[in-house]
Amino acid sequence: MTEALRAMALAWDPEWAVATSHEHRDTVVQGFAHAGTFVGWVMYFSRLRGTVPPLPAPVRMDPVEDKGTLVILTPERFTTSNPEHVALAARVQELLNRAGLLRPLQPWPAD
């Protein structure tokens, strides 16, 4: 999943991207998210959105060339049936929201 999201980021240069289950998305969107801004198993944040803050283990952050950052919540498949995964996602959502990375998507600036 990580390599698929990395390839999409390199090909399309999006502001934000996510890979997660429908079940997790539906749970998160009910409570908080704005269109296109929620925490999932693997996320991408363009550098234009801001700097990804330090995040708790086992979260991994990988640069995507000079474009942005991949954030991977867990090395194993994220599931909503795992309470540790759900708690980690909530904590990461809080930190990313505080850093301004989960604000609604915006039109790209003109070149």
Protein backbone atom coordinates (compact mmCIF):
# COMPACT_ATOMS: atom_id res chain seq x y z
CA MET A 1 0.00 0.00 0.00
CA THR A 2 2.86 2.35 0.84
CA GLU A 3 4.48 1.99 -2.57
CA ALA A 4 1.13 2.53 -4.34
CA LEU A 5 0.55 5.79 -2.46
CA ARG A 6 4.17 6.85 -3.09
CA ALA A 7 3.72 6.24 -6.83
CA MET A 8 0.49 8.26 -6.87
CA ALA A 9 2.18 11.14 -5.04
CA LEU A 10 5.05 11.18 -7.53
CA ALA A 11 2.76 10.92 -10.55
CA TRP A 12 0.03 13.37 -9.56
CA ASP A 13 1.60 15.64 -6.91
CA PRO A 14 -1.60 15.79 -4.79
CA GLU A 15 -2.06 17.96 -1.73
CA TRP A 16 -3.15 14.95 0.34
CA ALA A 17 -3.88 11.26 -0.18
CA VAL A 18 -4.95 8.33 1.98
CA ALA A 19 -5.24 4.55 1.83
CA THR A 20 -7.49 2.98 4.44
CA SER A 21 -10.48 0.68 4.78
CA HIS A 22 -14.03 1.83 4.05
CA GLU A 23 -14.93 0.79 7.59
CA HIS A 24 -12.28 3.07 9.11
CA ARG A 25 -13.11 5.96 6.77
CA ASP A 26 -16.82 5.77 7.61
CA THR A 27 -16.07 5.75 11.34
CA VAL A 28 -13.71 8.75 11.14
CA VAL A 29 -15.79 10.84 8.75
CA GLN A 30 -18.84 10.62 11.03
CA GLY A 31 -17.05 12.29 13.90
CA PHE A 32 -14.55 14.81 12.55
CA ALA A 33 -13.25 14.86 9.05
CA HIS A 34 -13.73 17.47 6.39
CA ALA A 35 -13.72 16.37 2.78
CA GLY A 36 -10.33 14.87 2.12
CA THR A 37 -8.80 15.34 5.54
CA PHE A 38 -8.70 12.36 7.84
CA VAL A 39 -6.25 9.85 9.24
CA GLY A 40 -5.93 6.46 7.56
CA TRP A 41 -3.50 3.56 7.48
CA VAL A 42 -1.16 5.25 4.96
CA MET A 43 -1.31 8.99 4.26
CA TYR A 44 0.56 11.46 2.09
CA PHE A 45 0.95 15.16 2.88
CA SER A 46 2.36 17.56 0.32
CA ARG A 47 5.06 19.85 1.72
CA LEU A 48 2.72 22.69 0.69
CA ARG A 49 0.32 21.59 3.48
CA GLY A 50 3.03 21.99 6.11
CA THR A 51 5.50 19.98 8.15
CA VAL A 52 4.49 16.66 9.64
CA PRO A 53 5.17 16.81 13.40
CA PRO A 54 6.87 14.04 15.38
CA LEU A 55 4.42 11.16 15.77
CA PRO A 56 4.33 8.28 18.29
CA ALA A 57 5.73 4.81 17.62
CA PRO A 58 5.10 2.69 15.63
CA VAL A 59 4.22 5.44 13.12
CA ARG A 60 6.78 5.75 10.33
CA MET A 61 7.38 8.84 8.20
CA ASP A 62 9.09 8.59 4.82
CA PRO A 63 10.01 11.49 2.54
CA VAL A 64 8.69 11.39 -1.03
CA GLU A 65 11.54 13.10 -2.87
CA ASP A 66 11.11 16.87 -2.40
CA LYS A 67 7.32 16.67 -2.67
CA GLY A 68 6.07 15.63 0.77
CA THR A 69 5.83 12.92 3.40
CA LEU A 70 4.25 9.48 3.66
CA VAL A 71 2.90 8.64 7.09
CA ILE A 72 2.37 4.94 7.84
CA LEU A 73 0.41 4.26 11.05
CA THR A 74 1.39 0.62 11.53
CA PRO A 75 3.71 -1.80 9.75
CA GLU A 76 0.95 -4.43 9.79
CA ARG A 77 -2.46 -4.03 8.13
CA PHE A 78 -4.53 -1.45 9.99
CA THR A 79 -7.88 -2.78 11.24
CA THR A 80 -10.72 -1.16 13.15
CA SER A 81 -11.15 -4.40 15.11
CA ASN A 82 -7.78 -3.75 16.80
CA PRO A 83 -8.31 -1.26 19.68
CA GLU A 84 -4.60 -0.33 19.63
CA HIS A 85 -4.87 0.69 15.97
CA VAL A 86 -7.99 2.77 16.66
CA ALA A 87 -6.34 4.51 19.64
CA LEU A 88 -3.19 5.21 17.62
CA ALA A 89 -5.22 6.69 14.76
CA ALA A 90 -7.07 8.96 17.19
CA ARG A 91 -3.79 10.18 18.74
CA VAL A 92 -2.20 10.79 15.33
CA GLN A 93 -5.34 12.60 14.17
CA GLU A 94 -5.10 14.90 17.19
CA LEU A 95 -1.43 15.68 16.48
CA LEU A 96 -1.92 16.22 12.74
CA ASN A 97 -4.96 18.40 13.36
CA ARG A 98 -3.01 20.49 15.88
CA ALA A 99 -0.27 20.93 13.24
CA GLY A 100 -2.85 22.18 10.72
CA LEU A 101 -2.41 19.26 8.33
CA LEU A 102 -6.03 18.09 8.48
CA ARG A 103 -7.59 21.37 7.39
CA PRO A 104 -9.94 21.13 4.39
CA LEU A 105 -8.33 20.76 0.97
CA GLN A 106 -7.61 24.03 -0.83
CA PRO A 107 -7.16 24.93 -4.50
CA TRP A 108 -3.50 24.78 -5.55
CA PRO A 109 -1.78 28.17 -5.91
CA ALA A 110 -1.40 29.38 -9.50
CA ASP A 111 2.04 28.79 -11.00
